[in-house]
Amino acid sequence: MGVGSDDFESMDILDADDVPLYSQRYKKNMEADIVQFVPFREFRNNPQELAKQTLEEVPGQLLNFMKKRNIVPLPANEENRRRIQQNLSRQRSLGQSQKNARQFFEKRKETFM
């Protein structure tokens, strides 16, 4: 979070929302950034929006991490296990996009907030 009136251009670069970070060491674009930069001055009078903007990328990053490692959440009971299996089968057959995942978590965030 950027606090103050300084120019936070270098933080925007690290955030990499517009242009992916490039690794000189590995000579390739990085798969993800590890920064979600939010200028406090833009949201200081709206704590809900400040929290929303600050946490915006977390659900997608968690999903990507889990998918890359083929980690499936443990079901709380048999019905949830069956539902998870059905959703996974449906996703695989439809080739669910990251956009759908973002929409899913956007709804969850709105409900949560």
PDB file of N, CA and C in Angstrom:
ATOM      1  N   MET A   1       0.852  -1.157   0.000  1.00  0.00           N
ATOM      2  CA  MET A   1       0.000   0.000   0.000  1.00  0.00           C
ATOM      3  C   MET A   1       0.900   1.222   0.000  1.00  0.00           C
ATOM      4  N   GLY A   2       0.602   2.135  -0.875  1.00  0.00           N
ATOM      5  CA  GLY A   2       1.374   3.365  -0.954  1.00  0.00           C
ATOM      6  C   GLY A   2       0.697   4.454  -0.148  1.00  0.00           C
ATOM      7  N   VAL A   3       1.387   4.968   0.877  1.00  0.00           N
ATOM      8  CA  VAL A   3       0.838   6.024   1.719  1.00  0.00           C
ATOM      9  C   VAL A   3       1.647   7.287   1.472  1.00  0.00           C
ATOM     10  N   GLY A   4       0.950   8.369   1.201  1.00  0.00           N
ATOM     11  CA  GLY A   4       1.622   9.636   0.973  1.00  0.00           C
ATOM     12  C   GLY A   4       1.371  10.147  -0.428  1.00  0.00           C
ATOM     13  N   SER A   5       2.056  11.225  -0.769  1.00  0.00           N
ATOM     14  CA  SER A   5       1.811  11.878  -2.059  1.00  0.00           C
ATOM     15  C   SER A   5       2.915  11.595  -3.074  1.00  0.00           C
ATOM     16  N   ASP A   6       3.839  10.700  -2.754  1.00  0.00           N
ATOM     17  CA  ASP A   6       4.926  10.379  -3.678  1.00  0.00           C
ATOM     18  C   ASP A   6       4.404   9.706  -4.941  1.00  0.00           C
ATOM     19  N   ASP A   7       5.270   9.669  -5.942  1.00  0.00           N
ATOM     20  CA  ASP A   7       4.977   8.962  -7.182  1.00  0.00           C
ATOM     21  C   ASP A   7       5.352   7.494  -6.973  1.00  0.00           C
ATOM     22  N   PHE A   8       4.390   6.614  -7.071  1.00  0.00           N
ATOM     23  CA  PHE A   8       4.611   5.189  -6.812  1.00  0.00           C
ATOM     24  C   PHE A   8       4.742   4.397  -8.109  1.00  0.00           C
ATOM     25  N   GLU A   9       5.320   5.006  -9.135  1.00  0.00           N
ATOM     26  CA  GLU A   9       5.422   4.358 -10.441  1.00  0.00           C
ATOM     27  C   GLU A   9       6.162   3.025 -10.364  1.00  0.00           C
ATOM     28  N   SER A  10       7.231   2.972  -9.583  1.00  0.00           N
ATOM     29  CA  SER A  10       7.991   1.716  -9.497  1.00  0.00           C
ATOM     30  C   SER A  10       7.156   0.607  -8.850  1.00  0.00           C
ATOM     31  N   MET A  11       6.252   0.955  -7.956  1.00  0.00           N
ATOM     32  CA  MET A  11       5.368  -0.053  -7.353  1.00  0.00           C
ATOM     33  C   MET A  11       4.375  -0.563  -8.391  1.00  0.00           C
ATOM     34  N   ASP A  12       3.903   0.326  -9.251  1.00  0.00           N
ATOM     35  CA  ASP A  12       2.999  -0.105 -10.319  1.00  0.00           C
ATOM     36  C   ASP A  12       3.695  -1.095 -11.251  1.00  0.00           C
ATOM     37  N   ILE A  13       4.984  -0.880 -11.482  1.00  0.00           N
ATOM     38  CA  ILE A  13       5.750  -1.810 -12.325  1.00  0.00           C
ATOM     39  C   ILE A  13       5.831  -3.174 -11.641  1.00  0.00           C
ATOM     40  N   LEU A  14       6.132  -3.195 -10.337  1.00  0.00           N
ATOM     41  CA  LEU A  14       6.194  -4.465  -9.601  1.00  0.00           C
ATOM     42  C   LEU A  14       4.845  -5.162  -9.560  1.00  0.00           C
ATOM     43  N   ASP A  15       3.779  -4.387  -9.513  1.00  0.00           N
ATOM     44  CA  ASP A  15       2.431  -4.960  -9.480  1.00  0.00           C
ATOM     45  C   ASP A  15       2.142  -5.750 -10.750  1.00  0.00           C
ATOM     46  N   ALA A  16       2.706  -5.325 -11.858  1.00  0.00           N
ATOM     47  CA  ALA A  16       2.667  -6.052 -13.136  1.00  0.00           C
ATOM     48  C   ALA A  16       1.264  -6.398 -13.617  1.00  0.00           C
ATOM     49  N   ASP A  17       0.300  -5.530 -13.367  1.00  0.00           N
ATOM     50  CA  ASP A  17      -1.049  -5.771 -13.880  1.00  0.00           C
ATOM     51  C   ASP A  17      -1.123  -5.507 -15.378  1.00  0.00           C
ATOM     52  N   ASP A  18      -0.354  -4.522 -15.857  1.00  0.00           N
ATOM     53  CA  ASP A  18      -0.409  -4.149 -17.267  1.00  0.00           C
ATOM     54  C   ASP A  18       0.675  -4.830 -18.102  1.00  0.00           C
ATOM     55  N   VAL A  19       1.881  -4.897 -17.566  1.00  0.00           N
ATOM     56  CA  VAL A  19       3.010  -5.490 -18.281  1.00  0.00           C
ATOM     57  C   VAL A  19       3.631  -6.552 -17.386  1.00  0.00           C
ATOM     58  N   PRO A  20       3.751  -7.794 -17.861  1.00  0.00           N
ATOM     59  CA  PRO A  20       4.327  -8.847 -17.013  1.00  0.00           C
ATOM     60  C   PRO A  20       5.784  -8.552 -16.655  1.00  0.00           C
ATOM     61  N   LEU A  21       6.187  -8.993 -15.473  1.00  0.00           N
ATOM     62  CA  LEU A  21       7.582  -8.845 -15.060  1.00  0.00           C
ATOM     63  C   LEU A  21       8.458  -9.766 -15.896  1.00  0.00           C
ATOM     64  N   TYR A  22       9.647  -9.281 -16.224  1.00  0.00           N
ATOM     65  CA  TYR A  22      10.577 -10.069 -17.025  1.00  0.00           C
ATOM     66  C   TYR A  22      11.794 -10.405 -16.173  1.00  0.00           C
ATOM     67  N   SER A  23      12.168 -11.675 -16.157  1.00  0.00           N
ATOM     68  CA  SER A  23      13.325 -12.122 -15.399  1.00  0.00           C
ATOM     69  C   SER A  23      14.564 -12.108 -16.288  1.00  0.00           C
ATOM     70  N   GLN A  24      15.522 -11.275 -15.928  1.00  0.00           N
ATOM     71  CA  GLN A  24      16.794 -11.258 -16.644  1.00  0.00           C
ATOM     72  C   GLN A  24      17.526 -12.585 -16.433  1.00  0.00           C
ATOM     73  N   ARG A  25      17.383 -13.127 -15.250  1.00  0.00           N
ATOM     74  CA  ARG A  25      18.080 -14.373 -14.911  1.00  0.00           C
ATOM     75  C   ARG A  25      17.584 -15.544 -15.756  1.00  0.00           C
ATOM     76  N   TYR A  26      16.260 -15.690 -15.857  1.00  0.00           N
ATOM     77  CA  TYR A  26      15.675 -16.825 -16.577  1.00  0.00           C
ATOM     78  C   TYR A  26      15.296 -16.494 -18.016  1.00  0.00           C
ATOM     79  N   LYS A  27      15.443 -15.222 -18.392  1.00  0.00           N
ATOM     80  CA  LYS A  27      15.161 -14.771 -19.761  1.00  0.00           C
ATOM     81  C   LYS A  27      13.737 -15.092 -20.207  1.00  0.00           C
ATOM     82  N   LYS A  28      12.787 -14.814 -19.327  1.00  0.00           N
ATOM     83  CA  LYS A  28      11.380 -15.047 -19.662  1.00  0.00           C
ATOM     84  C   LYS A  28      10.493 -14.180 -18.782  1.00  0.00           C
ATOM     85  N   ASN A  29       9.241 -14.028 -19.218  1.00  0.00           N
ATOM     86  CA  ASN A  29       8.253 -13.336 -18.401  1.00  0.00           C
ATOM     87  C   ASN A  29       7.879 -14.214 -17.221  1.00  0.00           C
ATOM     88  N   MET A  30       7.690 -13.589 -16.082  1.00  0.00           N
ATOM     89  CA  MET A  30       7.294 -14.328 -14.890  1.00  0.00           C
ATOM     90  C   MET A  30       5.813 -14.691 -14.998  1.00  0.00           C
ATOM     91  N   GLU A  31       5.457 -15.815 -14.412  1.00  0.00           N
ATOM     92  CA  GLU A  31       4.070 -16.281 -14.497  1.00  0.00           C
ATOM     93  C   GLU A  31       3.124 -15.397 -13.693  1.00  0.00           C
ATOM     94  N   ALA A  32       3.610 -14.838 -12.597  1.00  0.00           N
ATOM     95  CA  ALA A  32       2.746 -14.021 -11.751  1.00  0.00           C
ATOM     96  C   ALA A  32       3.592 -12.998 -10.997  1.00  0.00           C
ATOM     97  N   ASP A  33       2.937 -11.922 -10.574  1.00  0.00           N
ATOM     98  CA  ASP A  33       3.625 -10.984  -9.701  1.00  0.00           C
ATOM     99  C   ASP A  33       3.288 -11.356  -8.259  1.00  0.00           C
ATOM    100  N   ILE A  34       3.993 -10.782  -7.330  1.00  0.00           N
ATOM    101  CA  ILE A  34       3.722 -11.066  -5.924  1.00  0.00           C
ATOM    102  C   ILE A  34       3.309  -9.805  -5.183  1.00  0.00           C
ATOM    103  N   VAL A  35       2.902  -8.796  -5.935  1.00  0.00           N
ATOM    104  CA  VAL A  35       2.558  -7.503  -5.360  1.00  0.00           C
ATOM    105  C   VAL A  35       1.174  -7.083  -5.840  1.00  0.00           C
ATOM    106  N   GLN A  36       0.369  -6.596  -4.923  1.00  0.00           N
ATOM    107  CA  GLN A  36      -0.881  -5.927  -5.278  1.00  0.00           C
ATOM    108  C   GLN A  36      -0.752  -4.533  -4.699  1.00  0.00           C
ATOM    109  N   PHE A  37      -0.404  -3.583  -5.536  1.00  0.00           N
ATOM    110  CA  PHE A  37      -0.174  -2.222  -5.063  1.00  0.00           C
ATOM    111  C   PHE A  37      -1.466  -1.418  -5.107  1.00  0.00           C
ATOM    112  N   VAL A  38      -1.747  -0.742  -4.002  1.00  0.00           N
ATOM    113  CA  VAL A  38      -2.937   0.108  -3.906  1.00  0.00           C
ATOM    114  C   VAL A  38      -2.501   1.441  -3.297  1.00  0.00           C
ATOM    115  N   PRO A  39      -2.720   2.545  -4.016  1.00  0.00           N
ATOM    116  CA  PRO A  39      -2.405   3.848  -3.432  1.00  0.00           C
ATOM    117  C   PRO A  39      -3.480   4.241  -2.412  1.00  0.00           C
ATOM    118  N   PHE A  40      -3.083   4.360  -1.173  1.00  0.00           N
ATOM    119  CA  PHE A  40      -4.007   4.652  -0.076  1.00  0.00           C
ATOM    120  C   PHE A  40      -4.811   5.917  -0.330  1.00  0.00           C
ATOM    121  N   ARG A  41      -4.177   6.935  -0.903  1.00  0.00           N
ATOM    122  CA  ARG A  41      -4.850   8.232  -1.089  1.00  0.00           C
ATOM    123  C   ARG A  41      -6.122   8.113  -1.930  1.00  0.00           C
ATOM    124  N   GLU A  42      -6.165   7.114  -2.814  1.00  0.00           N
ATOM    125  CA  GLU A  42      -7.343   6.961  -3.670  1.00  0.00           C
ATOM    126  C   GLU A  42      -8.532   6.332  -2.934  1.00  0.00           C
ATOM    127  N   PHE A  43      -8.275   5.685  -1.797  1.00  0.00           N
ATOM    128  CA  PHE A  43      -9.345   4.956  -1.111  1.00  0.00           C
ATOM    129  C   PHE A  43      -9.437   5.296   0.378  1.00  0.00           C
ATOM    130  N   ARG A  44      -8.749   6.342   0.823  1.00  0.00           N
ATOM    131  CA  ARG A  44      -8.685   6.632   2.265  1.00  0.00           C
ATOM    132  C   ARG A  44     -10.042   6.894   2.883  1.00  0.00           C
ATOM    133  N   ASN A  45     -11.000   7.341   2.095  1.00  0.00           N
ATOM    134  CA  ASN A  45     -12.337   7.616   2.627  1.00  0.00           C
ATOM    135  C   ASN A  45     -13.315   6.472   2.386  1.00  0.00           C
ATOM    136  N   ASN A  46     -12.817   5.360   1.874  1.00  0.00           N
ATOM    137  CA  ASN A  46     -13.688   4.226   1.561  1.00  0.00           C
ATOM    138  C   ASN A  46     -12.990   2.924   1.977  1.00  0.00           C
ATOM    139  N   PRO A  47     -13.065   2.564   3.264  1.00  0.00           N
ATOM    140  CA  PRO A  47     -12.328   1.390   3.744  1.00  0.00           C
ATOM    141  C   PRO A  47     -12.757   0.082   3.086  1.00  0.00           C
ATOM    142  N   GLN A  48     -14.027  -0.030   2.708  1.00  0.00           N
ATOM    143  CA  GLN A  48     -14.470  -1.257   2.035  1.00  0.00           C
ATOM    144  C   GLN A  48     -13.797  -1.410   0.680  1.00  0.00           C
ATOM    145  N   GLU A  49     -13.733  -0.329  -0.078  1.00  0.00           N
ATOM    146  CA  GLU A  49     -13.099  -0.382  -1.390  1.00  0.00           C
ATOM    147  C   GLU A  49     -11.583  -0.567  -1.254  1.00  0.00           C
ATOM    148  N   LEU A  50     -11.000   0.023  -0.221  1.00  0.00           N
ATOM    149  CA  LEU A  50      -9.568  -0.173   0.044  1.00  0.00           C
ATOM    150  C   LEU A  50      -9.277  -1.648   0.292  1.00  0.00           C
ATOM    151  N   ALA A  51     -10.089  -2.284   1.126  1.00  0.00           N
ATOM    152  CA  ALA A  51      -9.907  -3.717   1.392  1.00  0.00           C
ATOM    153  C   ALA A  51     -10.127  -4.537   0.129  1.00  0.00           C
ATOM    154  N   LYS A  52     -11.155  -4.197  -0.638  1.00  0.00           N
ATOM    155  CA  LYS A  52     -11.450  -4.928  -1.870  1.00  0.00           C
ATOM    156  C   LYS A  52     -10.284  -4.843  -2.847  1.00  0.00           C
ATOM    157  N   GLN A  53      -9.768  -3.641  -3.061  1.00  0.00           N
ATOM    158  CA  GLN A  53      -8.666  -3.454  -3.997  1.00  0.00           C
ATOM    159  C   GLN A  53      -7.389  -4.150  -3.507  1.00  0.00           C
ATOM    160  N   THR A  54      -7.150  -4.099  -2.205  1.00  0.00           N
ATOM    161  CA  THR A  54      -5.946  -4.705  -1.639  1.00  0.00           C
ATOM    162  C   THR A  54      -5.961  -6.221  -1.781  1.00  0.00           C
ATOM    163  N   LEU A  55      -7.119  -6.821  -1.604  1.00  0.00           N
ATOM    164  CA  LEU A  55      -7.233  -8.291  -1.622  1.00  0.00           C
ATOM    165  C   LEU A  55      -7.681  -8.847  -2.972  1.00  0.00           C
ATOM    166  N   GLU A  56      -7.835  -8.001  -3.950  1.00  0.00           N
ATOM    167  CA  GLU A  56      -8.438  -8.380  -5.226  1.00  0.00           C
ATOM    168  C   GLU A  56      -7.790  -9.582  -5.913  1.00  0.00           C
ATOM    169  N   GLU A  57      -6.490  -9.686  -5.892  1.00  0.00           N
ATOM    170  CA  GLU A  57      -5.810 -10.740  -6.644  1.00  0.00           C
ATOM    171  C   GLU A  57      -5.613 -12.041  -5.858  1.00  0.00           C
ATOM    172  N   VAL A  58      -5.875 -12.024  -4.565  1.00  0.00           N
ATOM    173  CA  VAL A  58      -5.596 -13.194  -3.728  1.00  0.00           C
ATOM    174  C   VAL A  58      -6.357 -14.445  -4.181  1.00  0.00           C
ATOM    175  N   PRO A  59      -7.669 -14.371  -4.424  1.00  0.00           N
ATOM    176  CA  PRO A  59      -8.372 -15.600  -4.829  1.00  0.00           C
ATOM    177  C   PRO A  59      -7.817 -16.224  -6.105  1.00  0.00           C
ATOM    178  N   GLY A  60      -7.543 -15.419  -7.109  1.00  0.00           N
ATOM    179  CA  GLY A  60      -6.998 -15.939  -8.358  1.00  0.00           C
ATOM    180  C   GLY A  60      -5.613 -16.534  -8.177  1.00  0.00           C
ATOM    181  N   GLN A  61      -4.790 -15.888  -7.349  1.00  0.00           N
ATOM    182  CA  GLN A  61      -3.448 -16.407  -7.093  1.00  0.00           C
ATOM    183  C   GLN A  61      -3.510 -17.742  -6.367  1.00  0.00           C
ATOM    184  N   LEU A  62      -4.417 -17.849  -5.409  1.00  0.00           N
ATOM    185  CA  LEU A  62      -4.581 -19.111  -4.693  1.00  0.00           C
ATOM    186  C   LEU A  62      -5.056 -20.213  -5.633  1.00  0.00           C
ATOM    187  N   LEU A  63      -6.033 -19.894  -6.469  1.00  0.00           N
ATOM    188  CA  LEU A  63      -6.522 -20.883  -7.436  1.00  0.00           C
ATOM    189  C   LEU A  63      -5.423 -21.344  -8.380  1.00  0.00           C
ATOM    190  N   ASN A  64      -4.651 -20.397  -8.906  1.00  0.00           N
ATOM    191  CA  ASN A  64      -3.563 -20.758  -9.813  1.00  0.00           C
ATOM    192  C   ASN A  64      -2.536 -21.643  -9.126  1.00  0.00           C
ATOM    193  N   PHE A  65      -2.202 -21.325  -7.896  1.00  0.00           N
ATOM    194  CA  PHE A  65      -1.261 -22.131  -7.133  1.00  0.00           C
ATOM    195  C   PHE A  65      -1.779 -23.563  -6.979  1.00  0.00           C
ATOM    196  N   MET A  66      -3.038 -23.685  -6.591  1.00  0.00           N
ATOM    197  CA  MET A  66      -3.632 -25.006  -6.380  1.00  0.00           C
ATOM    198  C   MET A  66      -3.710 -25.787  -7.699  1.00  0.00           C
ATOM    199  N   LYS A  67      -4.111 -25.129  -8.768  1.00  0.00           N
ATOM    200  CA  LYS A  67      -4.241 -25.809 -10.061  1.00  0.00           C
ATOM    201  C   LYS A  67      -2.890 -26.302 -10.575  1.00  0.00           C
ATOM    202  N   LYS A  68      -1.854 -25.464 -10.462  1.00  0.00           N
ATOM    203  CA  LYS A  68      -0.526 -25.846 -10.946  1.00  0.00           C
ATOM    204  C   LYS A  68       0.010 -27.070 -10.225  1.00  0.00           C
ATOM    205  N   ARG A  69      -0.394 -27.240  -8.980  1.00  0.00           N
ATOM    206  CA  ARG A  69       0.101 -28.357  -8.184  1.00  0.00           C
ATOM    207  C   ARG A  69      -0.925 -29.492  -8.066  1.00  0.00           C
ATOM    208  N   ASN A  70      -2.014 -29.366  -8.843  1.00  0.00           N
ATOM    209  CA  ASN A  70      -3.087 -30.371  -8.831  1.00  0.00           C
ATOM    210  C   ASN A  70      -3.584 -30.662  -7.414  1.00  0.00           C
ATOM    211  N   ILE A  71      -3.764 -29.618  -6.643  1.00  0.00           N
ATOM    212  CA  ILE A  71      -4.271 -29.754  -5.279  1.00  0.00           C
ATOM    213  C   ILE A  71      -5.778 -29.530  -5.305  1.00  0.00           C
ATOM    214  N   VAL A  72      -6.505 -30.508  -4.814  1.00  0.00           N
ATOM    215  CA  VAL A  72      -7.960 -30.424  -4.758  1.00  0.00           C
ATOM    216  C   VAL A  72      -8.361 -30.258  -3.293  1.00  0.00           C
ATOM    217  N   PRO A  73      -9.279 -29.335  -2.990  1.00  0.00           N
ATOM    218  CA  PRO A  73      -9.688 -29.143  -1.595  1.00  0.00           C
ATOM    219  C   PRO A  73     -10.326 -30.398  -1.027  1.00  0.00           C
ATOM    220  N   LEU A  74     -10.085 -30.621   0.251  1.00  0.00           N
ATOM    221  CA  LEU A  74     -10.704 -31.758   0.918  1.00  0.00           C
ATOM    222  C   LEU A  74     -12.167 -31.433   1.204  1.00  0.00           C
ATOM    223  N   PRO A  75     -13.062 -32.332   0.877  1.00  0.00           N
ATOM    224  CA  PRO A  75     -14.484 -32.078   1.138  1.00  0.00           C
ATOM    225  C   PRO A  75     -14.798 -32.226   2.627  1.00  0.00           C
ATOM    226  N   ALA A  76     -15.779 -31.467   3.076  1.00  0.00           N
ATOM    227  CA  ALA A  76     -16.196 -31.543   4.477  1.00  0.00           C
ATOM    228  C   ALA A  76     -17.037 -32.798   4.731  1.00  0.00           C
ATOM    229  N   ASN A  77     -17.716 -33.274   3.697  1.00  0.00           N
ATOM    230  CA  ASN A  77     -18.529 -34.481   3.846  1.00  0.00           C
ATOM    231  C   ASN A  77     -18.708 -35.130   2.471  1.00  0.00           C
ATOM    232  N   GLU A  78     -19.419 -36.228   2.435  1.00  0.00           N
ATOM    233  CA  GLU A  78     -19.581 -36.987   1.188  1.00  0.00           C
ATOM    234  C   GLU A  78     -20.311 -36.177   0.110  1.00  0.00           C
ATOM    235  N   GLU A  79     -21.318 -35.430   0.514  1.00  0.00           N
ATOM    236  CA  GLU A  79     -22.059 -34.625  -0.467  1.00  0.00           C
ATOM    237  C   GLU A  79     -21.147 -33.579  -1.103  1.00  0.00           C
ATOM    238  N   ASN A  80     -20.319 -32.904  -0.296  1.00  0.00           N
ATOM    239  CA  ASN A  80     -19.376 -31.923  -0.833  1.00  0.00           C
ATOM    240  C   ASN A  80     -18.336 -32.598  -1.723  1.00  0.00           C
ATOM    241  N   ARG A  81     -17.883 -33.785  -1.362  1.00  0.00           N
ATOM    242  CA  ARG A  81     -16.923 -34.506  -2.181  1.00  0.00           C
ATOM    243  C   ARG A  81     -17.515 -34.784  -3.556  1.00  0.00           C
ATOM    244  N   ARG A  82     -18.749 -35.237  -3.586  1.00  0.00           N
ATOM    245  CA  ARG A  82     -19.426 -35.531  -4.848  1.00  0.00           C
ATOM    246  C   ARG A  82     -19.586 -34.255  -5.680  1.00  0.00           C
ATOM    247  N   ARG A  83     -19.960 -33.158  -5.030  1.00  0.00           N
ATOM    248  CA  ARG A  83     -20.135 -31.882  -5.719  1.00  0.00           C
ATOM    249  C   ARG A  83     -18.793 -31.391  -6.293  1.00  0.00           C
ATOM    250  N   ILE A  84     -17.725 -31.510  -5.517  1.00  0.00           N
ATOM    251  CA  ILE A  84     -16.396 -31.107  -6.000  1.00  0.00           C
ATOM    252  C   ILE A  84     -16.006 -31.939  -7.214  1.00  0.00           C
ATOM    253  N   GLN A  85     -16.232 -33.244  -7.143  1.00  0.00           N
ATOM    254  CA  GLN A  85     -15.895 -34.130  -8.267  1.00  0.00           C
ATOM    255  C   GLN A  85     -16.703 -33.765  -9.510  1.00  0.00           C
ATOM    256  N   GLN A  86     -17.978 -33.481  -9.323  1.00  0.00           N
ATOM    257  CA  GLN A  86     -18.814 -33.092 -10.457  1.00  0.00           C
ATOM    258  C   GLN A  86     -18.328 -31.777 -11.066  1.00  0.00           C
ATOM    259  N   ASN A  87     -17.996 -30.813 -10.204  1.00  0.00           N
ATOM    260  CA  ASN A  87     -17.501 -29.531 -10.702  1.00  0.00           C
ATOM    261  C   ASN A  87     -16.177 -29.687 -11.432  1.00  0.00           C
ATOM    262  N   LEU A  88     -15.288 -30.514 -10.884  1.00  0.00           N
ATOM    263  CA  LEU A  88     -14.005 -30.738 -11.549  1.00  0.00           C
ATOM    264  C   LEU A  88     -14.206 -31.397 -12.908  1.00  0.00           C
ATOM    265  N   SER A  89     -15.095 -32.373 -12.978  1.00  0.00           N
ATOM    266  CA  SER A  89     -15.377 -33.036 -14.246  1.00  0.00           C
ATOM    267  C   SER A  89     -15.958 -32.052 -15.254  1.00  0.00           C
ATOM    268  N   ARG A  90     -16.889 -31.236 -14.800  1.00  0.00           N
ATOM    269  CA  ARG A  90     -17.509 -30.243 -15.673  1.00  0.00           C
ATOM    270  C   ARG A  90     -16.475 -29.227 -16.153  1.00  0.00           C
ATOM    271  N   GLN A  91     -15.607 -28.774 -15.241  1.00  0.00           N
ATOM    272  CA  GLN A  91     -14.577 -27.807 -15.607  1.00  0.00           C
ATOM    273  C   GLN A  91     -13.628 -28.379 -16.646  1.00  0.00           C
ATOM    274  N   ARG A  92     -13.228 -29.612 -16.443  1.00  0.00           N
ATOM    275  CA  ARG A  92     -12.303 -30.235 -17.389  1.00  0.00           C
ATOM    276  C   ARG A  92     -12.952 -30.389 -18.759  1.00  0.00           C
ATOM    277  N   SER A  93     -14.217 -30.786 -18.763  1.00  0.00           N
ATOM    278  CA  SER A  93     -14.882 -30.990 -20.049  1.00  0.00           C
ATOM    279  C   SER A  93     -15.152 -29.669 -20.766  1.00  0.00           C
ATOM    280  N   LEU A  94     -15.368 -28.621 -20.013  1.00  0.00           N
ATOM    281  CA  LEU A  94     -15.634 -27.320 -20.613  1.00  0.00           C
ATOM    282  C   LEU A  94     -14.366 -26.490 -20.780  1.00  0.00           C
ATOM    283  N   GLY A  95     -13.277 -26.942 -20.158  1.00  0.00           N
ATOM    284  CA  GLY A  95     -12.041 -26.154 -20.206  1.00  0.00           C
ATOM    285  C   GLY A  95     -12.231 -24.813 -19.538  1.00  0.00           C
ATOM    286  N   GLN A  96     -12.661 -24.826 -18.274  1.00  0.00           N
ATOM    287  CA  GLN A  96     -12.986 -23.594 -17.572  1.00  0.00           C
ATOM    288  C   GLN A  96     -11.840 -22.603 -17.634  1.00  0.00           C
ATOM    289  N   SER A  97     -12.164 -21.374 -17.947  1.00  0.00           N
ATOM    290  CA  SER A  97     -11.156 -20.326 -18.081  1.00  0.00           C
ATOM    291  C   SER A  97     -10.920 -19.641 -16.736  1.00  0.00           C
ATOM    292  N   GLN A  98      -9.821 -18.926 -16.682  1.00  0.00           N
ATOM    293  CA  GLN A  98      -9.495 -18.161 -15.481  1.00  0.00           C
ATOM    294  C   GLN A  98     -10.545 -17.083 -15.240  1.00  0.00           C
ATOM    295  N   LYS A  99     -11.167 -16.619 -16.306  1.00  0.00           N
ATOM    296  CA  LYS A  99     -12.214 -15.610 -16.173  1.00  0.00           C
ATOM    297  C   LYS A  99     -13.363 -16.145 -15.319  1.00  0.00           C
ATOM    298  N   ASN A 100     -13.771 -17.393 -15.559  1.00  0.00           N
ATOM    299  CA  ASN A 100     -14.842 -17.982 -14.766  1.00  0.00           C
ATOM    300  C   ASN A 100     -14.446 -18.069 -13.301  1.00  0.00           C
ATOM    301  N   ALA A 101     -13.202 -18.421 -13.044  1.00  0.00           N
ATOM    302  CA  ALA A 101     -12.725 -18.505 -11.668  1.00  0.00           C
ATOM    303  C   ALA A 101     -12.761 -17.128 -11.016  1.00  0.00           C
ATOM    304  N   ARG A 102     -12.354 -16.099 -11.754  1.00  0.00           N
ATOM    305  CA  ARG A 102     -12.387 -14.741 -11.209  1.00  0.00           C
ATOM    306  C   ARG A 102     -13.812 -14.329 -10.876  1.00  0.00           C
ATOM    307  N   GLN A 103     -14.762 -14.651 -11.776  1.00  0.00           N
ATOM    308  CA  GLN A 103     -16.160 -14.313 -11.528  1.00  0.00           C
ATOM    309  C   GLN A 103     -16.676 -15.018 -10.278  1.00  0.00           C
ATOM    310  N   PHE A 104     -16.311 -16.279 -10.125  1.00  0.00           N
ATOM    311  CA  PHE A 104     -16.724 -17.054  -8.964  1.00  0.00           C
ATOM    312  C   PHE A 104     -16.235 -16.377  -7.679  1.00  0.00           C
ATOM    313  N   PHE A 105     -14.939 -16.029  -7.635  1.00  0.00           N
ATOM    314  CA  PHE A 105     -14.388 -15.437  -6.426  1.00  0.00           C
ATOM    315  C   PHE A 105     -14.821 -13.996  -6.242  1.00  0.00           C
ATOM    316  N   GLU A 106     -15.144 -13.300  -7.314  1.00  0.00           N
ATOM    317  CA  GLU A 106     -15.669 -11.962  -7.188  1.00  0.00           C
ATOM    318  C   GLU A 106     -17.004 -11.996  -6.449  1.00  0.00           C
ATOM    319  N   LYS A 107     -17.846 -12.972  -6.794  1.00  0.00           N
ATOM    320  CA  LYS A 107     -19.123 -13.135  -6.088  1.00  0.00           C
ATOM    321  C   LYS A 107     -18.890 -13.470  -4.627  1.00  0.00           C
ATOM    322  N   ARG A 108     -17.906 -14.344  -4.355  1.00  0.00           N
ATOM    323  CA  ARG A 108     -17.586 -14.723  -2.975  1.00  0.00           C
ATOM    324  C   ARG A 108     -17.098 -13.516  -2.189  1.00  0.00           C
ATOM    325  N   LYS A 109     -16.249 -12.671  -2.825  1.00  0.00           N
ATOM    326  CA  LYS A 109     -15.751 -11.485  -2.138  1.00  0.00           C
ATOM    327  C   LYS A 109     -16.891 -10.535  -1.803  1.00  0.00           C
ATOM    328  N   GLU A 110     -17.806 -10.330  -2.765  1.00  0.00           N
ATOM    329  CA  GLU A 110     -18.931  -9.431  -2.525  1.00  0.00           C
ATOM    330  C   GLU A 110     -19.798  -9.938  -1.382  1.00  0.00           C
ATOM    331  N   THR A 111     -20.031 -11.243  -1.351  1.00  0.00           N
ATOM    332  CA  THR A 111     -20.815 -11.824  -0.263  1.00  0.00           C
ATOM    333  C   THR A 111     -20.095 -11.640   1.061  1.00  0.00           C
ATOM    334  N   PHE A 112     -18.801 -11.875   1.054  1.00  0.00           N
ATOM    335  CA  PHE A 112     -17.999 -11.763   2.264  1.00  0.00           C
ATOM    336  C   PHE A 112     -17.997 -10.344   2.804  1.00  0.00           C
ATOM    337  N   MET A 113     -17.837  -9.376   1.893  1.00  0.00           N
ATOM    338  CA  MET A 113     -17.730  -7.978   2.325  1.00  0.00           C
ATOM    339  C   MET A 113     -19.095  -7.434   2.655  1.00  0.00           C
TER     340      MET A 113
END
